[in-house]
Amino acid sequence: KEEEKKEEKKDEKKEEEKKEEKKEEKKEE
């Protein structure tokens, strides 16, 4: 669970990063 949480956190971070990237892209778009 901790590993999954860590992975989820990592995934969340990745998703957030992706979202941020998308937002930035959208902003740029």
Full PDB file with SEQRES, HELIX, SHEET, SSBOND, CRYST1, ORIGX, SCALE, CONECT and MASTER records, all heavy atoms in Angstrom:
SEQRES   1 A   29  LYS GLU GLU GLU LYS LYS GLU GLU LYS LYS ASP GLU LYS          
SEQRES   2 A   29  LYS GLU GLU GLU LYS LYS GLU GLU LYS LYS GLU GLU LYS          
SEQRES   3 A   29  LYS GLU GLU                                                  
HELIX    1 AA1 GLU A    2  GLU A   28  1                                  27    
CRYST1    1.000    1.000    1.000  90.00  90.00  90.00 P 1           1          
ORIGX1      1.000000  0.000000  0.000000        0.00000                         
ORIGX2      0.000000  1.000000  0.000000        0.00000                         
ORIGX3      0.000000  0.000000  1.000000        0.00000                         
SCALE1      1.000000  0.000000  0.000000        0.00000                         
SCALE2      0.000000  1.000000  0.000000        0.00000                         
SCALE3      0.000000  0.000000  1.000000        0.00000                         
ATOM      1  N   LYS A   1       0.826  -1.199   0.000  1.00  0.00           N  
ATOM      2  CA  LYS A   1       0.000   0.000   0.000  1.00  0.00           C  
ATOM      3  C   LYS A   1       0.868   1.260   0.000  1.00  0.00           C  
ATOM      4  O   LYS A   1       0.596   2.226  -0.723  1.00  0.00           O  
ATOM      5  CB  LYS A   1      -0.935   0.007   1.205  1.00  0.00           C  
ATOM      6  CG  LYS A   1      -2.107  -0.943   1.064  1.00  0.00           C  
ATOM      7  CD  LYS A   1      -2.982  -0.896   2.299  1.00  0.00           C  
ATOM      8  CE  LYS A   1      -4.157  -1.853   2.167  1.00  0.00           C  
ATOM      9  NZ  LYS A   1      -5.016  -1.840   3.378  1.00  0.00           N  
ATOM     10  N   GLU A   2       1.881   1.208   0.862  1.00  0.00           N  
ATOM     11  CA  GLU A   2       2.783   2.361   0.898  1.00  0.00           C  
ATOM     12  C   GLU A   2       3.467   2.556  -0.451  1.00  0.00           C  
ATOM     13  O   GLU A   2       3.576   3.688  -0.947  1.00  0.00           O  
ATOM     14  CB  GLU A   2       3.815   2.151   1.999  1.00  0.00           C  
ATOM     15  CG  GLU A   2       3.225   2.312   3.404  1.00  0.00           C  
ATOM     16  CD  GLU A   2       4.256   2.047   4.473  1.00  0.00           C  
ATOM     17  OE1 GLU A   2       5.389   1.647   4.110  1.00  0.00           O  
ATOM     18  OE2 GLU A   2       3.923   2.213   5.669  1.00  0.00           O  
ATOM     19  N   GLU A   3       3.887   1.385  -1.004  1.00  0.00           N  
ATOM     20  CA  GLU A   3       4.515   1.500  -2.320  1.00  0.00           C  
ATOM     21  C   GLU A   3       3.517   2.020  -3.350  1.00  0.00           C  
ATOM     22  O   GLU A   3       3.847   2.864  -4.191  1.00  0.00           O  
ATOM     23  CB  GLU A   3       5.034   0.129  -2.752  1.00  0.00           C  
ATOM     24  CG  GLU A   3       6.278  -0.303  -1.976  1.00  0.00           C  
ATOM     25  CD  GLU A   3       6.735  -1.699  -2.350  1.00  0.00           C  
ATOM     26  OE1 GLU A   3       6.024  -2.327  -3.179  1.00  0.00           O  
ATOM     27  OE2 GLU A   3       7.766  -2.145  -1.836  1.00  0.00           O  
ATOM     28  N   GLU A   4       2.267   1.440  -3.241  1.00  0.00           N  
ATOM     29  CA  GLU A   4       1.243   1.930  -4.179  1.00  0.00           C  
ATOM     30  C   GLU A   4       0.966   3.413  -3.969  1.00  0.00           C  
ATOM     31  O   GLU A   4       0.787   4.174  -4.925  1.00  0.00           O  
ATOM     32  CB  GLU A   4      -0.049   1.114  -3.990  1.00  0.00           C  
ATOM     33  CG  GLU A   4       0.052  -0.311  -4.543  1.00  0.00           C  
ATOM     34  CD  GLU A   4      -1.180  -1.121  -4.235  1.00  0.00           C  
ATOM     35  OE1 GLU A   4      -2.075  -0.583  -3.528  1.00  0.00           O  
ATOM     36  OE2 GLU A   4      -1.271  -2.282  -4.685  1.00  0.00           O  
ATOM     37  N   LYS A   5       0.906   3.763  -2.644  1.00  0.00           N  
ATOM     38  CA  LYS A   5       0.697   5.181  -2.357  1.00  0.00           C  
ATOM     39  C   LYS A   5       1.832   6.025  -2.927  1.00  0.00           C  
ATOM     40  O   LYS A   5       1.602   7.094  -3.521  1.00  0.00           O  
ATOM     41  CB  LYS A   5       0.594   5.407  -0.852  1.00  0.00           C  
ATOM     42  CG  LYS A   5      -0.740   4.963  -0.272  1.00  0.00           C  
ATOM     43  CD  LYS A   5      -0.776   5.191   1.222  1.00  0.00           C  
ATOM     44  CE  LYS A   5      -2.100   4.744   1.825  1.00  0.00           C  
ATOM     45  NZ  LYS A   5      -2.133   4.958   3.293  1.00  0.00           N  
ATOM     46  N   LYS A   6       3.030   5.481  -2.706  1.00  0.00           N  
ATOM     47  CA  LYS A   6       4.169   6.204  -3.251  1.00  0.00           C  
ATOM     48  C   LYS A   6       4.067   6.304  -4.773  1.00  0.00           C  
ATOM     49  O   LYS A   6       4.296   7.365  -5.366  1.00  0.00           O  
ATOM     50  CB  LYS A   6       5.466   5.505  -2.864  1.00  0.00           C  
ATOM     51  CG  LYS A   6       5.833   5.695  -1.403  1.00  0.00           C  
ATOM     52  CD  LYS A   6       7.111   4.942  -1.084  1.00  0.00           C  
ATOM     53  CE  LYS A   6       7.473   5.115   0.395  1.00  0.00           C  
ATOM     54  NZ  LYS A   6       8.721   4.367   0.735  1.00  0.00           N  
ATOM     55  N   GLU A   7       3.680   5.133  -5.366  1.00  0.00           N  
ATOM     56  CA  GLU A   7       3.529   5.145  -6.815  1.00  0.00           C  
ATOM     57  C   GLU A   7       2.402   6.073  -7.239  1.00  0.00           C  
ATOM     58  O   GLU A   7       2.513   6.795  -8.250  1.00  0.00           O  
ATOM     59  CB  GLU A   7       3.260   3.731  -7.319  1.00  0.00           C  
ATOM     60  CG  GLU A   7       4.500   2.833  -7.262  1.00  0.00           C  
ATOM     61  CD  GLU A   7       4.209   1.430  -7.685  1.00  0.00           C  
ATOM     62  OE1 GLU A   7       3.010   1.134  -7.953  1.00  0.00           O  
ATOM     63  OE2 GLU A   7       5.142   0.618  -7.737  1.00  0.00           O  
ATOM     64  N   GLU A   8       1.288   5.999  -6.434  1.00  0.00           N  
ATOM     65  CA  GLU A   8       0.181   6.901  -6.743  1.00  0.00           C  
ATOM     66  C   GLU A   8       0.615   8.357  -6.626  1.00  0.00           C  
ATOM     67  O   GLU A   8       0.247   9.207  -7.451  1.00  0.00           O  
ATOM     68  CB  GLU A   8      -1.000   6.618  -5.805  1.00  0.00           C  
ATOM     69  CG  GLU A   8      -1.745   5.328  -6.152  1.00  0.00           C  
ATOM     70  CD  GLU A   8      -2.844   5.044  -5.158  1.00  0.00           C  
ATOM     71  OE1 GLU A   8      -2.979   5.827  -4.176  1.00  0.00           O  
ATOM     72  OE2 GLU A   8      -3.572   4.057  -5.347  1.00  0.00           O  
ATOM     73  N   LYS A   9       1.362   8.583  -5.552  1.00  0.00           N  
ATOM     74  CA  LYS A   9       1.866   9.948  -5.392  1.00  0.00           C  
ATOM     75  C   LYS A   9       2.759  10.334  -6.567  1.00  0.00           C  
ATOM     76  O   LYS A   9       2.661  11.454  -7.098  1.00  0.00           O  
ATOM     77  CB  LYS A   9       2.643  10.080  -4.082  1.00  0.00           C  
ATOM     78  CG  LYS A   9       1.733  10.102  -2.866  1.00  0.00           C  
ATOM     79  CD  LYS A   9       2.553  10.198  -1.594  1.00  0.00           C  
ATOM     80  CE  LYS A   9       1.647  10.243  -0.375  1.00  0.00           C  
ATOM     81  NZ  LYS A   9       2.421  10.324   0.888  1.00  0.00           N  
ATOM     82  N   LYS A  10       3.595   9.357  -6.938  1.00  0.00           N  
ATOM     83  CA  LYS A  10       4.452   9.617  -8.082  1.00  0.00           C  
ATOM     84  C   LYS A  10       3.611   9.858  -9.327  1.00  0.00           C  
ATOM     85  O   LYS A  10       3.855  10.786 -10.110  1.00  0.00           O  
ATOM     86  CB  LYS A  10       5.394   8.439  -8.316  1.00  0.00           C  
ATOM     87  CG  LYS A  10       6.521   8.354  -7.301  1.00  0.00           C  
ATOM     88  CD  LYS A  10       7.387   7.136  -7.596  1.00  0.00           C  
ATOM     89  CE  LYS A  10       8.512   7.042  -6.566  1.00  0.00           C  
ATOM     90  NZ  LYS A  10       9.356   5.844  -6.817  1.00  0.00           N  
ATOM     91  N   ASP A  11       2.543   8.949  -9.463  1.00  0.00           N  
ATOM     92  CA  ASP A  11       1.663   9.115 -10.624  1.00  0.00           C  
ATOM     93  C   ASP A  11       0.933  10.453 -10.558  1.00  0.00           C  
ATOM     94  O   ASP A  11       0.750  11.138 -11.586  1.00  0.00           O  
ATOM     95  CB  ASP A  11       0.655   7.963 -10.691  1.00  0.00           C  
ATOM     96  CG  ASP A  11       1.329   6.635 -10.989  1.00  0.00           C  
ATOM     97  OD1 ASP A  11       2.393   6.651 -11.643  1.00  0.00           O  
ATOM     98  OD2 ASP A  11       0.782   5.578 -10.573  1.00  0.00           O  
ATOM     99  N   GLU A  12       0.470  10.764  -9.316  1.00  0.00           N  
ATOM    100  CA  GLU A  12      -0.216  12.046  -9.150  1.00  0.00           C  
ATOM    101  C   GLU A  12       0.707  13.211  -9.503  1.00  0.00           C  
ATOM    102  O   GLU A  12       0.304  14.176 -10.164  1.00  0.00           O  
ATOM    103  CB  GLU A  12      -0.722  12.178  -7.715  1.00  0.00           C  
ATOM    104  CG  GLU A  12      -1.927  11.296  -7.422  1.00  0.00           C  
ATOM    105  CD  GLU A  12      -2.356  11.392  -5.969  1.00  0.00           C  
ATOM    106  OE1 GLU A  12      -1.663  12.105  -5.199  1.00  0.00           O  
ATOM    107  OE2 GLU A  12      -3.357  10.748  -5.608  1.00  0.00           O  
ATOM    108  N   LYS A  13       1.936  13.035  -9.024  1.00  0.00           N  
ATOM    109  CA  LYS A  13       2.904  14.095  -9.350  1.00  0.00           C  
ATOM    110  C   LYS A  13       3.112  14.182 -10.852  1.00  0.00           C  
ATOM    111  O   LYS A  13       3.146  15.274 -11.435  1.00  0.00           O  
ATOM    112  CB  LYS A  13       4.231  13.815  -8.651  1.00  0.00           C  
ATOM    113  CG  LYS A  13       4.201  14.132  -7.175  1.00  0.00           C  
ATOM    114  CD  LYS A  13       5.550  13.825  -6.545  1.00  0.00           C  
ATOM    115  CE  LYS A  13       5.535  14.150  -5.052  1.00  0.00           C  
ATOM    116  NZ  LYS A  13       6.843  13.835  -4.417  1.00  0.00           N  
ATOM    117  N   LYS A  14       3.201  12.972 -11.433  1.00  0.00           N  
ATOM    118  CA  LYS A  14       3.384  12.942 -12.884  1.00  0.00           C  
ATOM    119  C   LYS A  14       2.179  13.550 -13.600  1.00  0.00           C  
ATOM    120  O   LYS A  14       2.313  14.330 -14.546  1.00  0.00           O  
ATOM    121  CB  LYS A  14       3.601  11.514 -13.358  1.00  0.00           C  
ATOM    122  CG  LYS A  14       4.978  10.972 -13.040  1.00  0.00           C  
ATOM    123  CD  LYS A  14       5.121   9.540 -13.519  1.00  0.00           C  
ATOM    124  CE  LYS A  14       6.495   8.991 -13.173  1.00  0.00           C  
ATOM    125  NZ  LYS A  14       6.652   7.588 -13.628  1.00  0.00           N  
ATOM    126  N   GLU A  15       0.966  13.131 -13.073  1.00  0.00           N  
ATOM    127  CA  GLU A  15      -0.247  13.680 -13.686  1.00  0.00           C  
ATOM    128  C   GLU A  15      -0.325  15.188 -13.495  1.00  0.00           C  
ATOM    129  O   GLU A  15      -0.715  15.939 -14.406  1.00  0.00           O  
ATOM    130  CB  GLU A  15      -1.479  13.012 -13.071  1.00  0.00           C  
ATOM    131  CG  GLU A  15      -1.685  11.575 -13.555  1.00  0.00           C  
ATOM    132  CD  GLU A  15      -2.863  10.912 -12.887  1.00  0.00           C  
ATOM    133  OE1 GLU A  15      -3.493  11.559 -12.002  1.00  0.00           O  
ATOM    134  OE2 GLU A  15      -3.152   9.752 -13.224  1.00  0.00           O  
ATOM    135  N   GLU A  16       0.033  15.603 -12.266  1.00  0.00           N  
ATOM    136  CA  GLU A  16       0.028  17.047 -12.031  1.00  0.00           C  
ATOM    137  C   GLU A  16       1.010  17.760 -12.950  1.00  0.00           C  
ATOM    138  O   GLU A  16       0.719  18.826 -13.506  1.00  0.00           O  
ATOM    139  CB  GLU A  16       0.380  17.324 -10.563  1.00  0.00           C  
ATOM    140  CG  GLU A  16      -0.762  16.989  -9.617  1.00  0.00           C  
ATOM    141  CD  GLU A  16      -0.372  17.181  -8.172  1.00  0.00           C  
ATOM    142  OE1 GLU A  16       0.816  17.528  -7.911  1.00  0.00           O  
ATOM    143  OE2 GLU A  16      -1.221  16.971  -7.287  1.00  0.00           O  
ATOM    144  N   GLU A  17       2.168  17.084 -13.057  1.00  0.00           N  
ATOM    145  CA  GLU A  17       3.143  17.675 -13.968  1.00  0.00           C  
ATOM    146  C   GLU A  17       2.609  17.717 -15.399  1.00  0.00           C  
ATOM    147  O   GLU A  17       2.758  18.720 -16.106  1.00  0.00           O  
ATOM    148  CB  GLU A  17       4.440  16.866 -13.918  1.00  0.00           C  
ATOM    149  CG  GLU A  17       5.208  17.068 -12.608  1.00  0.00           C  
ATOM    150  CD  GLU A  17       6.420  16.154 -12.525  1.00  0.00           C  
ATOM    151  OE1 GLU A  17       6.591  15.330 -13.469  1.00  0.00           O  
ATOM    152  OE2 GLU A  17       7.178  16.240 -11.548  1.00  0.00           O  
ATOM    153  N   LYS A  18       1.925  16.544 -15.753  1.00  0.00           N  
ATOM    154  CA  LYS A  18       1.343  16.515 -17.097  1.00  0.00           C  
ATOM    155  C   LYS A  18       0.264  17.583 -17.256  1.00  0.00           C  
ATOM    156  O   LYS A  18       0.158  18.242 -18.283  1.00  0.00           O  
ATOM    157  CB  LYS A  18       0.756  15.141 -17.379  1.00  0.00           C  
ATOM    158  CG  LYS A  18       1.805  14.086 -17.679  1.00  0.00           C  
ATOM    159  CD  LYS A  18       1.157  12.736 -17.921  1.00  0.00           C  
ATOM    160  CE  LYS A  18       2.218  11.682 -18.195  1.00  0.00           C  
ATOM    161  NZ  LYS A  18       1.592  10.354 -18.424  1.00  0.00           N  
ATOM    162  N   LYS A  19      -0.582  17.680 -16.179  1.00  0.00           N  
ATOM    163  CA  LYS A  19      -1.632  18.691 -16.221  1.00  0.00           C  
ATOM    164  C   LYS A  19      -1.042  20.095 -16.333  1.00  0.00           C  
ATOM    165  O   LYS A  19      -1.523  20.940 -17.103  1.00  0.00           O  
ATOM    166  CB  LYS A  19      -2.497  18.597 -14.968  1.00  0.00           C  
ATOM    167  CG  LYS A  19      -3.467  17.436 -14.992  1.00  0.00           C  
ATOM    168  CD  LYS A  19      -4.277  17.389 -13.707  1.00  0.00           C  
ATOM    169  CE  LYS A  19      -5.224  16.223 -13.718  1.00  0.00           C  
ATOM    170  NZ  LYS A  19      -6.025  16.150 -12.456  1.00  0.00           N  
ATOM    171  N   GLU A  20      -0.026  20.271 -15.543  1.00  0.00           N  
ATOM    172  CA  GLU A  20       0.627  21.589 -15.625  1.00  0.00           C  
ATOM    173  C   GLU A  20       1.198  21.836 -17.015  1.00  0.00           C  
ATOM    174  O   GLU A  20       1.079  22.930 -17.574  1.00  0.00           O  
ATOM    175  CB  GLU A  20       1.724  21.676 -14.564  1.00  0.00           C  
ATOM    176  CG  GLU A  20       1.159  21.826 -13.153  1.00  0.00           C  
ATOM    177  CD  GLU A  20       2.249  21.826 -12.103  1.00  0.00           C  
ATOM    178  OE1 GLU A  20       3.439  21.654 -12.495  1.00  0.00           O  
ATOM    179  OE2 GLU A  20       1.925  21.997 -10.905  1.00  0.00           O  
ATOM    180  N   GLU A  21       1.803  20.734 -17.525  1.00  0.00           N  
ATOM    181  CA  GLU A  21       2.342  20.862 -18.870  1.00  0.00           C  
ATOM    182  C   GLU A  21       1.229  21.148 -19.879  1.00  0.00           C  
ATOM    183  O   GLU A  21       1.368  22.010 -20.775  1.00  0.00           O  
ATOM    184  CB  GLU A  21       3.076  19.582 -19.255  1.00  0.00           C  
ATOM    185  CG  GLU A  21       4.411  19.422 -18.539  1.00  0.00           C  
ATOM    186  CD  GLU A  21       5.061  18.096 -18.864  1.00  0.00           C  
ATOM    187  OE1 GLU A  21       4.438  17.298 -19.618  1.00  0.00           O  
ATOM    188  OE2 GLU A  21       6.170  17.846 -18.366  1.00  0.00           O  
ATOM    189  N   LYS A  22       0.091  20.389 -19.681  1.00  0.00           N  
ATOM    190  CA  LYS A  22      -1.043  20.610 -20.578  1.00  0.00           C  
ATOM    191  C   LYS A  22      -1.587  22.028 -20.434  1.00  0.00           C  
ATOM    192  O   LYS A  22      -1.945  22.681 -21.418  1.00  0.00           O  
ATOM    193  CB  LYS A  22      -2.140  19.605 -20.286  1.00  0.00           C  
ATOM    194  CG  LYS A  22      -1.850  18.220 -20.833  1.00  0.00           C  
ATOM    195  CD  LYS A  22      -2.989  17.268 -20.513  1.00  0.00           C  
ATOM    196  CE  LYS A  22      -2.681  15.877 -21.051  1.00  0.00           C  
ATOM    197  NZ  LYS A  22      -3.785  14.935 -20.727  1.00  0.00           N  
ATOM    198  N   LYS A  23      -1.675  22.450 -19.152  1.00  0.00           N  
ATOM    199  CA  LYS A  23      -2.155  23.823 -18.925  1.00  0.00           C  
ATOM    200  C   LYS A  23      -1.247  24.842 -19.596  1.00  0.00           C  
ATOM    201  O   LYS A  23      -1.710  25.801 -20.221  1.00  0.00           O  
ATOM    202  CB  LYS A  23      -2.225  24.105 -17.420  1.00  0.00           C  
ATOM    203  CG  LYS A  23      -3.427  23.473 -16.751  1.00  0.00           C  
ATOM    204  CD  LYS A  23      -3.425  23.772 -15.267  1.00  0.00           C  
ATOM    205  CE  LYS A  23      -4.595  23.115 -14.575  1.00  0.00           C  
ATOM    206  NZ  LYS A  23      -4.610  23.394 -13.117  1.00  0.00           N  
ATOM    207  N   GLU A  24       0.008  24.571 -19.408  1.00  0.00           N  
ATOM    208  CA  GLU A  24       0.959  25.489 -20.044  1.00  0.00           C  
ATOM    209  C   GLU A  24       0.804  25.444 -21.562  1.00  0.00           C  
ATOM    210  O   GLU A  24       0.823  26.473 -22.234  1.00  0.00           O  
ATOM    211  CB  GLU A  24       2.379  25.122 -19.642  1.00  0.00           C  
ATOM    212  CG  GLU A  24       2.691  25.488 -18.195  1.00  0.00           C  
ATOM    213  CD  GLU A  24       4.068  25.027 -17.770  1.00  0.00           C  
ATOM    214  OE1 GLU A  24       4.739  24.356 -18.603  1.00  0.00           O  
ATOM    215  OE2 GLU A  24       4.473  25.308 -16.620  1.00  0.00           O  
ATOM    216  N   GLU A  25       0.645  24.187 -22.056  1.00  0.00           N  
ATOM    217  CA  GLU A  25       0.449  24.067 -23.501  1.00  0.00           C  
ATOM    218  C   GLU A  25      -0.834  24.774 -23.939  1.00  0.00           C  
ATOM    219  O   GLU A  25      -0.873  25.447 -24.974  1.00  0.00           O  
ATOM    220  CB  GLU A  25       0.384  22.591 -23.885  1.00  0.00           C  
ATOM    221  CG  GLU A  25       1.740  21.900 -23.839  1.00  0.00           C  
ATOM    222  CD  GLU A  25       1.620  20.421 -24.125  1.00  0.00           C  
ATOM    223  OE1 GLU A  25       0.467  19.932 -24.315  1.00  0.00           O  
ATOM    224  OE2 GLU A  25       2.659  19.735 -24.139  1.00  0.00           O  
ATOM    225  N   LYS A  26      -1.876  24.535 -23.107  1.00  0.00           N  
ATOM    226  CA  LYS A  26      -3.132  25.197 -23.445  1.00  0.00           C  
ATOM    227  C   LYS A  26      -2.990  26.719 -23.392  1.00  0.00           C  
ATOM    228  O   LYS A  26      -3.534  27.429 -24.222  1.00  0.00           O  
ATOM    229  CB  LYS A  26      -4.225  24.747 -22.470  1.00  0.00           C  
ATOM    230  CG  LYS A  26      -4.768  23.374 -22.770  1.00  0.00           C  
ATOM    231  CD  LYS A  26      -5.839  22.989 -21.783  1.00  0.00           C  
ATOM    232  CE  LYS A  26      -6.373  21.594 -22.084  1.00  0.00           C  
ATOM    233  NZ  LYS A  26      -7.424  21.199 -21.127  1.00  0.00           N  
ATOM    234  N   LYS A  27      -2.289  27.107 -22.342  1.00  0.00           N  
ATOM    235  CA  LYS A  27      -2.063  28.556 -22.243  1.00  0.00           C  
ATOM    236  C   LYS A  27      -1.334  29.065 -23.473  1.00  0.00           C  
ATOM    237  O   LYS A  27      -1.680  30.103 -24.050  1.00  0.00           O  
ATOM    238  CB  LYS A  27      -1.275  28.882 -20.984  1.00  0.00           C  
ATOM    239  CG  LYS A  27      -2.108  28.818 -19.728  1.00  0.00           C  
ATOM    240  CD  LYS A  27      -1.250  29.104 -18.499  1.00  0.00           C  
ATOM    241  CE  LYS A  27      -2.069  29.010 -17.231  1.00  0.00           C  
ATOM    242  NZ  LYS A  27      -1.219  29.290 -16.024  1.00  0.00           N  
ATOM    243  N   GLU A  28      -0.326  28.287 -23.824  1.00  0.00           N  
ATOM    244  CA  GLU A  28       0.434  28.682 -25.006  1.00  0.00           C  
ATOM    245  C   GLU A  28      -0.453  28.650 -26.251  1.00  0.00           C  
ATOM    246  O   GLU A  28      -0.408  29.536 -27.100  1.00  0.00           O  
ATOM    247  CB  GLU A  28       1.629  27.761 -25.206  1.00  0.00           C  
ATOM    248  CG  GLU A  28       2.726  28.016 -24.173  1.00  0.00           C  
ATOM    249  CD  GLU A  28       3.855  27.022 -24.293  1.00  0.00           C  
ATOM    250  OE1 GLU A  28       3.750  26.108 -25.155  1.00  0.00           O  
ATOM    251  OE2 GLU A  28       4.835  27.129 -23.535  1.00  0.00           O  
ATOM    252  N   GLU A  29      -1.288  27.538 -26.286  1.00  0.00           N  
ATOM    253  CA  GLU A  29      -2.201  27.454 -27.428  1.00  0.00           C  
ATOM    254  C   GLU A  29      -3.199  28.595 -27.414  1.00  0.00           C  
ATOM    255  O   GLU A  29      -3.565  29.154 -28.450  1.00  0.00           O  
ATOM    256  CB  GLU A  29      -2.945  26.114 -27.390  1.00  0.00           C  
ATOM    257  CG  GLU A  29      -2.061  24.930 -27.787  1.00  0.00           C  
ATOM    258  CD  GLU A  29      -2.777  23.614 -27.635  1.00  0.00           C  
ATOM    259  OE1 GLU A  29      -3.964  23.618 -27.184  1.00  0.00           O  
ATOM    260  OE2 GLU A  29      -2.184  22.566 -27.946  1.00  0.00           O  
TER     261      GLU A  29                                                      
MASTER        0    0    0    1    0    0    0    6  260    1    0    3          
END                                                                             
